[in-house]
Amino acid sequence: MLKKSMAVLLLSVSFHACWGQEAPTDEHRIVVQSRINQGTLRYHAFYKAFGRVLALLPPAPRIIEPIYQMSFTELPPEQEDSFLKPTWNVAIVDQETDIDVPMIRGGYFVLPALEDKLAKDASILFNSQTRKNFLRIAWKLRLRTSQSLAYADIMRALQEVNEVQKKIPWYSLELRTEKRARFDAVKACFAEDNGELRLDDQPLAVIHSAHCRIYKLGVQSAKAASEMTFSPAPDIVVLEDSGRYRSRHAGDEG
């Protein structure tokens, strides 16, 4: 469990100057071992924003579910997809609260509900540099128990996201990125670097990114009745913008 001190900049002080002695020289300077993350967020604001997105969802049964994703500032997509610290990744802290939030590799997580008295002053901390005042919303796809999706359901998922985007007011600054986001691919991320996507039992040409596989929709012809399968069972499957991976071409097995 994290300690409250995680919210404070960690400093390693190494100098011999004491009270009444001369100021420390360059040989005895303070060494900063960890930077303040400007992306530390107010829990209450982002929990409420997520609730507003939930209110815009089409009625069940549906294919999509929103999930928060860390908004990295210094990592390329492949390093984002492999991000999973062995210590902690996402935490909620205040003077009395210290919660380690479970995270799926790649920065995906769900904010837990807190009592009002705790939520008011709580902050969301990340164990990486992240964007200030921003969290990305990813669109998770619900798979069948057979770890598959009909191709028609993937098209339906795109339509469901489009319906949500149309409902977001043009003046909603906090959801501006979600309103403008565009998706043309499916990304499946696996526990190991052994994932495979198939369409009607035929291997798909995909982009490899860490433990994830990205398939740009329409690269291979598919019928509405076609079925996409994921093997082994993925940790998460989301809609993606293939443009983020333009440096790695579909079919690249490296």
C-alpha atoms as a PDB file:
ATOM      1  CA  MET A   1       0.000   0.000   0.000  1.00  0.00           C
ATOM      2  CA  LEU A   2       1.258   3.430  -0.837  1.00  0.00           C
ATOM      3  CA  LYS A   3       2.177   5.891   1.868  1.00  0.00           C
ATOM      4  CA  LYS A   4       0.949   9.457   2.037  1.00  0.00           C
ATOM      5  CA  SER A   5       4.479  10.582   1.359  1.00  0.00           C
ATOM      6  CA  MET A   6       4.067   9.416  -2.253  1.00  0.00           C
ATOM      7  CA  ALA A   7       2.262  12.691  -2.861  1.00  0.00           C
ATOM      8  CA  VAL A   8       5.376  14.663  -1.940  1.00  0.00           C
ATOM      9  CA  LEU A   9       8.440  15.277  -4.093  1.00  0.00           C
ATOM     10  CA  LEU A  10      11.175  12.862  -3.028  1.00  0.00           C
ATOM     11  CA  LEU A  11      14.540  14.476  -2.397  1.00  0.00           C
ATOM     12  CA  SER A  12      17.867  12.918  -1.588  1.00  0.00           C
ATOM     13  CA  VAL A  13      19.916  15.413   0.413  1.00  0.00           C
ATOM     14  CA  SER A  14      23.663  14.915   0.631  1.00  0.00           C
ATOM     15  CA  PHE A  15      25.702  17.679   2.219  1.00  0.00           C
ATOM     16  CA  HIS A  16      27.744  18.247   5.346  1.00  0.00           C
ATOM     17  CA  ALA A  17      26.868  21.887   5.976  1.00  0.00           C
ATOM     18  CA  CYS A  18      25.138  22.306   9.326  1.00  0.00           C
ATOM     19  CA  TRP A  19      23.671  25.301  11.135  1.00  0.00           C
ATOM     20  CA  GLY A  20      26.219  28.075  11.279  1.00  0.00           C
ATOM     21  CA  GLN A  21      28.500  26.598   8.622  1.00  0.00           C
ATOM     22  CA  GLU A  22      28.996  27.946   5.100  1.00  0.00           C
ATOM     23  CA  ALA A  23      26.549  27.112   2.320  1.00  0.00           C
ATOM     24  CA  PRO A  24      27.003  23.747   0.526  1.00  0.00           C
ATOM     25  CA  THR A  25      29.252  23.710  -2.543  1.00  0.00           C
ATOM     26  CA  ASP A  26      28.580  21.975  -5.865  1.00  0.00           C
ATOM     27  CA  GLU A  27      30.019  18.820  -4.327  1.00  0.00           C
ATOM     28  CA  HIS A  28      27.242  18.859  -1.720  1.00  0.00           C
ATOM     29  CA  ARG A  29      24.182  19.786  -3.777  1.00  0.00           C
ATOM     30  CA  ILE A  30      20.660  18.364  -3.489  1.00  0.00           C
ATOM     31  CA  VAL A  31      19.954  15.531  -5.926  1.00  0.00           C
ATOM     32  CA  VAL A  32      16.351  15.262  -7.143  1.00  0.00           C
ATOM     33  CA  GLN A  33      15.495  11.601  -7.669  1.00  0.00           C
ATOM     34  CA  SER A  34      11.848  12.039  -8.667  1.00  0.00           C
ATOM     35  CA  ARG A  35      10.016  14.815 -10.462  1.00  0.00           C
ATOM     36  CA  ILE A  36       6.676  16.297  -9.553  1.00  0.00           C
ATOM     37  CA  ASN A  37       4.051  15.052 -11.990  1.00  0.00           C
ATOM     38  CA  GLN A  38       2.007  17.985 -13.275  1.00  0.00           C
ATOM     39  CA  GLY A  39      -0.663  15.426 -14.223  1.00  0.00           C
ATOM     40  CA  THR A  40      -1.803  14.788 -10.641  1.00  0.00           C
ATOM     41  CA  LEU A  41      -5.592  15.173 -10.803  1.00  0.00           C
ATOM     42  CA  ARG A  42      -8.512  16.010  -8.542  1.00  0.00           C
ATOM     43  CA  TYR A  43     -10.494  12.816  -7.961  1.00  0.00           C
ATOM     44  CA  HIS A  44     -13.895  14.445  -7.571  1.00  0.00           C
ATOM     45  CA  ALA A  45     -13.800  16.275 -10.922  1.00  0.00           C
ATOM     46  CA  PHE A  46     -12.781  13.241 -12.970  1.00  0.00           C
ATOM     47  CA  TYR A  47     -15.141  10.850 -11.204  1.00  0.00           C
ATOM     48  CA  LYS A  48     -18.012  13.218 -12.041  1.00  0.00           C
ATOM     49  CA  ALA A  49     -16.842  13.574 -15.654  1.00  0.00           C
ATOM     50  CA  PHE A  50     -16.847   9.790 -16.045  1.00  0.00           C
ATOM     51  CA  GLY A  51     -20.400   9.719 -14.701  1.00  0.00           C
ATOM     52  CA  ARG A  52     -21.445  12.179 -17.402  1.00  0.00           C
ATOM     53  CA  VAL A  53     -20.016   9.870 -20.050  1.00  0.00           C
ATOM     54  CA  LEU A  54     -21.887   6.898 -18.573  1.00  0.00           C
ATOM     55  CA  ALA A  55     -25.127   8.887 -18.830  1.00  0.00           C
ATOM     56  CA  LEU A  56     -24.589   9.261 -22.595  1.00  0.00           C
ATOM     57  CA  LEU A  57     -24.179   5.545 -23.304  1.00  0.00           C
ATOM     58  CA  PRO A  58     -26.766   3.707 -25.397  1.00  0.00           C
ATOM     59  CA  PRO A  59     -28.997   1.320 -23.444  1.00  0.00           C
ATOM     60  CA  ALA A  60     -27.828  -2.211 -22.689  1.00  0.00           C
ATOM     61  CA  PRO A  61     -27.078  -4.604 -24.181  1.00  0.00           C
ATOM     62  CA  ARG A  62     -24.219  -2.714 -25.831  1.00  0.00           C
ATOM     63  CA  ILE A  63     -20.749  -3.508 -27.065  1.00  0.00           C
ATOM     64  CA  ILE A  64     -18.773  -0.575 -25.632  1.00  0.00           C
ATOM     65  CA  GLU A  65     -17.842   0.367 -22.088  1.00  0.00           C
ATOM     66  CA  PRO A  66     -15.746   3.440 -21.237  1.00  0.00           C
ATOM     67  CA  ILE A  67     -12.566   3.040 -19.205  1.00  0.00           C
ATOM     68  CA  TYR A  68     -10.003   5.612 -18.163  1.00  0.00           C
ATOM     69  CA  GLN A  69      -6.488   5.433 -19.578  1.00  0.00           C
ATOM     70  CA  MET A  70      -3.416   7.254 -18.321  1.00  0.00           C
ATOM     71  CA  SER A  71      -2.509  10.179 -20.592  1.00  0.00           C
ATOM     72  CA  PHE A  72       1.231   9.702 -20.960  1.00  0.00           C
ATOM     73  CA  THR A  73       3.399  12.639 -22.026  1.00  0.00           C
ATOM     74  CA  GLU A  74       6.816  11.065 -22.557  1.00  0.00           C
ATOM     75  CA  LEU A  75       6.205   7.544 -23.863  1.00  0.00           C
ATOM     76  CA  PRO A  76       5.761   6.441 -27.495  1.00  0.00           C
ATOM     77  CA  PRO A  77       2.758   4.143 -28.169  1.00  0.00           C
ATOM     78  CA  GLU A  78       4.761   0.919 -27.835  1.00  0.00           C
ATOM     79  CA  GLN A  79       6.040   1.906 -24.392  1.00  0.00           C
ATOM     80  CA  GLU A  80       2.541   3.031 -23.398  1.00  0.00           C
ATOM     81  CA  ASP A  81       1.209  -0.410 -24.365  1.00  0.00           C
ATOM     82  CA  SER A  82       3.811  -2.136 -22.189  1.00  0.00           C
ATOM     83  CA  PHE A  83       3.470   0.191 -19.197  1.00  0.00           C
ATOM     84  CA  LEU A  84       2.992  -1.682 -15.921  1.00  0.00           C
ATOM     85  CA  LYS A  85       5.125  -0.802 -12.894  1.00  0.00           C
ATOM     86  CA  PRO A  86       5.900  -3.615 -10.431  1.00  0.00           C
ATOM     87  CA  THR A  87       5.282  -1.326  -7.440  1.00  0.00           C
ATOM     88  CA  TRP A  88       2.268   0.909  -8.068  1.00  0.00           C
ATOM     89  CA  ASN A  89       0.676   2.624 -11.087  1.00  0.00           C
ATOM     90  CA  VAL A  90      -2.428   4.599 -10.074  1.00  0.00           C
ATOM     91  CA  ALA A  91      -3.332   5.730  -6.575  1.00  0.00           C
ATOM     92  CA  ILE A  92      -5.955   7.835  -4.805  1.00  0.00           C
ATOM     93  CA  VAL A  93      -4.632   9.745  -1.815  1.00  0.00           C
ATOM     94  CA  ASP A  94      -5.580  12.446   0.661  1.00  0.00           C
ATOM     95  CA  GLN A  95      -4.878  13.041   4.342  1.00  0.00           C
ATOM     96  CA  GLU A  96      -6.751   9.866   5.317  1.00  0.00           C
ATOM     97  CA  THR A  97      -6.994   7.839   2.105  1.00  0.00           C
ATOM     98  CA  ASP A  98      -4.360   5.661   0.481  1.00  0.00           C
ATOM     99  CA  ILE A  99      -5.797   3.455  -2.263  1.00  0.00           C
ATOM    100  CA  ASP A 100      -3.809   1.488  -4.826  1.00  0.00           C
ATOM    101  CA  VAL A 101      -6.033   1.364  -7.936  1.00  0.00           C
ATOM    102  CA  PRO A 102      -5.753  -1.831 -10.041  1.00  0.00           C
ATOM    103  CA  MET A 103      -4.521  -1.130 -13.573  1.00  0.00           C
ATOM    104  CA  ILE A 104      -4.412  -3.181 -16.766  1.00  0.00           C
ATOM    105  CA  ARG A 105      -1.099  -3.069 -18.633  1.00  0.00           C
ATOM    106  CA  GLY A 106      -1.168  -0.024 -20.883  1.00  0.00           C
ATOM    107  CA  GLY A 107      -2.637   2.374 -18.331  1.00  0.00           C
ATOM    108  CA  TYR A 108      -6.300   1.278 -18.268  1.00  0.00           C
ATOM    109  CA  PHE A 109      -8.182   1.605 -14.978  1.00  0.00           C
ATOM    110  CA  VAL A 110     -11.549   2.312 -13.344  1.00  0.00           C
ATOM    111  CA  LEU A 111     -11.878   4.902 -10.588  1.00  0.00           C
ATOM    112  CA  PRO A 112     -13.513   3.373  -7.506  1.00  0.00           C
ATOM    113  CA  ALA A 113     -16.381   5.189  -5.819  1.00  0.00           C
ATOM    114  CA  LEU A 114     -15.458   6.994  -2.598  1.00  0.00           C
ATOM    115  CA  GLU A 115     -17.573   8.392   0.209  1.00  0.00           C
ATOM    116  CA  ASP A 116     -18.292  12.096  -0.275  1.00  0.00           C
ATOM    117  CA  LYS A 117     -16.162  13.148   2.685  1.00  0.00           C
ATOM    118  CA  LEU A 118     -13.170  11.318   1.198  1.00  0.00           C
ATOM    119  CA  ALA A 119     -13.791  12.223  -2.451  1.00  0.00           C
ATOM    120  CA  LYS A 120     -13.825  15.968  -1.817  1.00  0.00           C
ATOM    121  CA  ASP A 121     -10.088  16.384  -1.212  1.00  0.00           C
ATOM    122  CA  ALA A 122      -8.662  13.230  -2.800  1.00  0.00           C
ATOM    123  CA  SER A 123      -6.149  13.332  -5.648  1.00  0.00           C
ATOM    124  CA  ILE A 124      -5.292  10.822  -8.376  1.00  0.00           C
ATOM    125  CA  LEU A 125      -1.572  10.073  -8.585  1.00  0.00           C
ATOM    126  CA  PHE A 126       0.262   8.320 -11.420  1.00  0.00           C
ATOM    127  CA  ASN A 127       3.632   6.588 -11.388  1.00  0.00           C
ATOM    128  CA  SER A 128       4.604   8.228 -14.692  1.00  0.00           C
ATOM    129  CA  GLN A 129       4.556  11.674 -16.261  1.00  0.00           C
ATOM    130  CA  THR A 130       1.017  12.428 -17.460  1.00  0.00           C
ATOM    131  CA  ARG A 131      -0.905  15.330 -18.984  1.00  0.00           C
ATOM    132  CA  LYS A 132      -2.096  18.145 -16.762  1.00  0.00           C
ATOM    133  CA  ASN A 133      -5.862  18.285 -16.123  1.00  0.00           C
ATOM    134  CA  PHE A 134      -6.590  15.478 -18.581  1.00  0.00           C
ATOM    135  CA  LEU A 135      -7.480  11.789 -18.665  1.00  0.00           C
ATOM    136  CA  ARG A 136      -8.153   9.878 -21.832  1.00  0.00           C
ATOM    137  CA  ILE A 137     -11.286   7.765 -22.115  1.00  0.00           C
ATOM    138  CA  ALA A 138     -10.797   4.510 -24.020  1.00  0.00           C
ATOM    139  CA  TRP A 139     -13.637   2.394 -25.386  1.00  0.00           C
ATOM    140  CA  LYS A 140     -13.468  -1.189 -24.205  1.00  0.00           C
ATOM    141  CA  LEU A 141     -15.253  -3.883 -26.226  1.00  0.00           C
ATOM    142  CA  ARG A 142     -17.327  -6.592 -24.575  1.00  0.00           C
ATOM    143  CA  LEU A 143     -16.261 -10.011 -25.866  1.00  0.00           C
ATOM    144  CA  ARG A 144     -18.307 -13.165 -25.934  1.00  0.00           C
ATOM    145  CA  THR A 145     -17.345 -15.955 -23.541  1.00  0.00           C
ATOM    146  CA  SER A 146     -15.670 -17.582 -26.550  1.00  0.00           C
ATOM    147  CA  GLN A 147     -13.248 -14.609 -26.659  1.00  0.00           C
ATOM    148  CA  SER A 148     -14.701 -13.482 -29.974  1.00  0.00           C
ATOM    149  CA  LEU A 149     -16.767 -10.750 -31.584  1.00  0.00           C
ATOM    150  CA  ALA A 150     -18.890 -10.733 -34.692  1.00  0.00           C
ATOM    151  CA  TYR A 151     -17.493  -8.283 -37.230  1.00  0.00           C
ATOM    152  CA  ALA A 152     -20.942  -6.710 -37.259  1.00  0.00           C
ATOM    153  CA  ASP A 153     -20.608  -6.062 -33.513  1.00  0.00           C
ATOM    154  CA  ILE A 154     -17.335  -4.192 -34.090  1.00  0.00           C
ATOM    155  CA  MET A 155     -19.128  -1.975 -36.608  1.00  0.00           C
ATOM    156  CA  ARG A 156     -21.890  -1.534 -34.047  1.00  0.00           C
ATOM    157  CA  ALA A 157     -19.331  -0.492 -31.435  1.00  0.00           C
ATOM    158  CA  LEU A 158     -18.091   2.268 -33.753  1.00  0.00           C
ATOM    159  CA  GLN A 159     -21.670   3.415 -34.196  1.00  0.00           C
ATOM    160  CA  GLU A 160     -22.287   3.411 -30.440  1.00  0.00           C
ATOM    161  CA  VAL A 161     -19.215   5.620 -29.858  1.00  0.00           C
ATOM    162  CA  ASN A 162     -20.399   7.929 -32.618  1.00  0.00           C
ATOM    163  CA  GLU A 163     -23.777   8.244 -30.893  1.00  0.00           C
ATOM    164  CA  VAL A 164     -22.077   9.183 -27.618  1.00  0.00           C
ATOM    165  CA  GLN A 165     -19.937  11.781 -29.399  1.00  0.00           C
ATOM    166  CA  LYS A 166     -23.003  13.389 -30.973  1.00  0.00           C
ATOM    167  CA  LYS A 167     -24.537  13.804 -27.499  1.00  0.00           C
ATOM    168  CA  ILE A 168     -21.496  15.574 -26.057  1.00  0.00           C
ATOM    169  CA  PRO A 169     -22.233  19.332 -26.147  1.00  0.00           C
ATOM    170  CA  TRP A 170     -19.902  21.387 -28.326  1.00  0.00           C
ATOM    171  CA  TYR A 171     -19.124  23.605 -25.328  1.00  0.00           C
ATOM    172  CA  SER A 172     -18.004  20.699 -23.100  1.00  0.00           C
ATOM    173  CA  LEU A 173     -14.287  21.438 -22.719  1.00  0.00           C
ATOM    174  CA  GLU A 174     -13.634  18.462 -20.433  1.00  0.00           C
ATOM    175  CA  LEU A 175     -14.951  16.019 -23.069  1.00  0.00           C
ATOM    176  CA  ARG A 176     -13.676  17.851 -26.144  1.00  0.00           C
ATOM    177  CA  THR A 177     -11.064  15.184 -26.928  1.00  0.00           C
ATOM    178  CA  GLU A 178     -13.640  12.389 -26.613  1.00  0.00           C
ATOM    179  CA  LYS A 179     -16.029  14.228 -28.929  1.00  0.00           C
ATOM    180  CA  ARG A 180     -13.384  14.600 -31.644  1.00  0.00           C
ATOM    181  CA  ALA A 181     -11.697  11.193 -31.332  1.00  0.00           C
ATOM    182  CA  ARG A 182     -11.682   8.954 -34.393  1.00  0.00           C
ATOM    183  CA  PHE A 183     -11.261   5.178 -34.464  1.00  0.00           C
ATOM    184  CA  ASP A 184     -10.436   2.851 -37.337  1.00  0.00           C
ATOM    185  CA  ALA A 185      -8.870  -0.142 -35.588  1.00  0.00           C
ATOM    186  CA  VAL A 186      -9.216  -2.753 -32.872  1.00  0.00           C
ATOM    187  CA  LYS A 187      -6.405  -3.179 -30.333  1.00  0.00           C
ATOM    188  CA  ALA A 188      -6.136  -6.338 -28.239  1.00  0.00           C
ATOM    189  CA  CYS A 189      -3.579  -6.520 -25.416  1.00  0.00           C
ATOM    190  CA  PHE A 190      -2.404  -9.782 -23.872  1.00  0.00           C
ATOM    191  CA  ALA A 191      -0.628 -10.881 -20.705  1.00  0.00           C
ATOM    192  CA  GLU A 192       2.226 -12.297 -22.805  1.00  0.00           C
ATOM    193  CA  ASP A 193       3.655 -11.330 -26.190  1.00  0.00           C
ATOM    194  CA  ASN A 194       1.850 -14.194 -27.921  1.00  0.00           C
ATOM    195  CA  GLY A 195      -1.525 -12.782 -28.951  1.00  0.00           C
ATOM    196  CA  GLU A 196      -3.192 -13.592 -32.251  1.00  0.00           C
ATOM    197  CA  LEU A 197      -6.241 -12.192 -34.023  1.00  0.00           C
ATOM    198  CA  ARG A 198      -8.156 -14.284 -36.541  1.00  0.00           C
ATOM    199  CA  LEU A 199     -11.079 -13.553 -38.842  1.00  0.00           C
ATOM    200  CA  ASP A 200     -13.105 -16.652 -39.687  1.00  0.00           C
ATOM    201  CA  ASP A 201     -10.110 -18.690 -38.502  1.00  0.00           C
ATOM    202  CA  GLN A 202      -7.701 -16.891 -40.847  1.00  0.00           C
ATOM    203  CA  PRO A 203      -4.787 -14.963 -39.243  1.00  0.00           C
ATOM    204  CA  LEU A 204      -5.098 -11.200 -39.561  1.00  0.00           C
ATOM    205  CA  ALA A 205      -2.317  -8.875 -40.650  1.00  0.00           C
ATOM    206  CA  VAL A 206      -1.724  -6.774 -37.546  1.00  0.00           C
ATOM    207  CA  ILE A 207       0.600  -4.150 -36.117  1.00  0.00           C
ATOM    208  CA  HIS A 208       2.663  -5.443 -33.192  1.00  0.00           C
ATOM    209  CA  SER A 209       3.107  -3.092 -30.241  1.00  0.00           C
ATOM    210  CA  ALA A 210       4.566  -4.652 -27.091  1.00  0.00           C
ATOM    211  CA  HIS A 211       1.948  -7.202 -25.917  1.00  0.00           C
ATOM    212  CA  CYS A 212      -0.747  -5.661 -28.106  1.00  0.00           C
ATOM    213  CA  ARG A 213      -1.995  -6.390 -31.611  1.00  0.00           C
ATOM    214  CA  ILE A 214      -3.661  -3.658 -33.680  1.00  0.00           C
ATOM    215  CA  TYR A 215      -5.877  -4.529 -36.631  1.00  0.00           C
ATOM    216  CA  LYS A 216      -6.928  -1.731 -38.950  1.00  0.00           C
ATOM    217  CA  LEU A 217     -10.513  -2.390 -39.940  1.00  0.00           C
ATOM    218  CA  GLY A 218     -11.043  -2.995 -43.620  1.00  0.00           C
ATOM    219  CA  VAL A 219      -7.487  -4.140 -44.398  1.00  0.00           C
ATOM    220  CA  GLN A 220      -8.856  -7.609 -45.112  1.00  0.00           C
ATOM    221  CA  SER A 221     -12.342  -8.087 -46.544  1.00  0.00           C
ATOM    222  CA  ALA A 222     -14.953  -9.163 -44.033  1.00  0.00           C
ATOM    223  CA  LYS A 223     -18.647  -9.901 -44.071  1.00  0.00           C
ATOM    224  CA  ALA A 224     -21.091  -8.874 -41.357  1.00  0.00           C
ATOM    225  CA  ALA A 225     -21.375 -12.536 -40.362  1.00  0.00           C
ATOM    226  CA  SER A 226     -17.596 -12.893 -40.040  1.00  0.00           C
ATOM    227  CA  GLU A 227     -16.213 -13.550 -36.569  1.00  0.00           C
ATOM    228  CA  MET A 228     -13.017 -12.146 -35.046  1.00  0.00           C
ATOM    229  CA  THR A 229     -11.381 -14.309 -32.405  1.00  0.00           C
ATOM    230  CA  PHE A 230      -8.675 -13.407 -29.891  1.00  0.00           C
ATOM    231  CA  SER A 231      -6.206 -16.021 -28.642  1.00  0.00           C
ATOM    232  CA  PRO A 232      -5.270 -16.456 -25.864  1.00  0.00           C
ATOM    233  CA  ALA A 233      -7.853 -14.548 -23.826  1.00  0.00           C
ATOM    234  CA  PRO A 234      -6.810 -10.855 -23.952  1.00  0.00           C
ATOM    235  CA  ASP A 235      -6.488  -8.562 -20.947  1.00  0.00           C
ATOM    236  CA  ILE A 236      -8.432  -5.888 -22.809  1.00  0.00           C
ATOM    237  CA  VAL A 237      -9.758  -5.073 -26.289  1.00  0.00           C
ATOM    238  CA  VAL A 238     -10.372  -1.432 -27.226  1.00  0.00           C
ATOM    239  CA  LEU A 239     -11.111   0.718 -30.232  1.00  0.00           C
ATOM    240  CA  GLU A 240      -7.988   2.464 -31.492  1.00  0.00           C
ATOM    241  CA  ASP A 241      -6.713   5.076 -33.944  1.00  0.00           C
ATOM    242  CA  SER A 242      -4.233   3.253 -36.181  1.00  0.00           C
ATOM    243  CA  GLY A 243      -2.610   6.589 -37.029  1.00  0.00           C
ATOM    244  CA  ARG A 244      -0.827   6.471 -33.672  1.00  0.00           C
ATOM    245  CA  TYR A 245       1.142   3.483 -35.010  1.00  0.00           C
ATOM    246  CA  ARG A 246       2.038   4.725 -38.486  1.00  0.00           C
ATOM    247  CA  SER A 247       5.717   3.967 -37.961  1.00  0.00           C
ATOM    248  CA  ARG A 248       4.848   0.248 -37.713  1.00  0.00           C
ATOM    249  CA  HIS A 249       3.071  -1.152 -40.767  1.00  0.00           C
ATOM    250  CA  ALA A 250       0.321  -3.753 -40.755  1.00  0.00           C
ATOM    251  CA  GLY A 251       1.798  -7.185 -41.248  1.00  0.00           C
ATOM    252  CA  ASP A 252       5.026  -6.276 -39.422  1.00  0.00           C
ATOM    253  CA  GLU A 253       5.811  -9.252 -37.260  1.00  0.00           C
ATOM    254  CA  GLY A 254       8.901  -7.676 -35.689  1.00  0.00           C
END
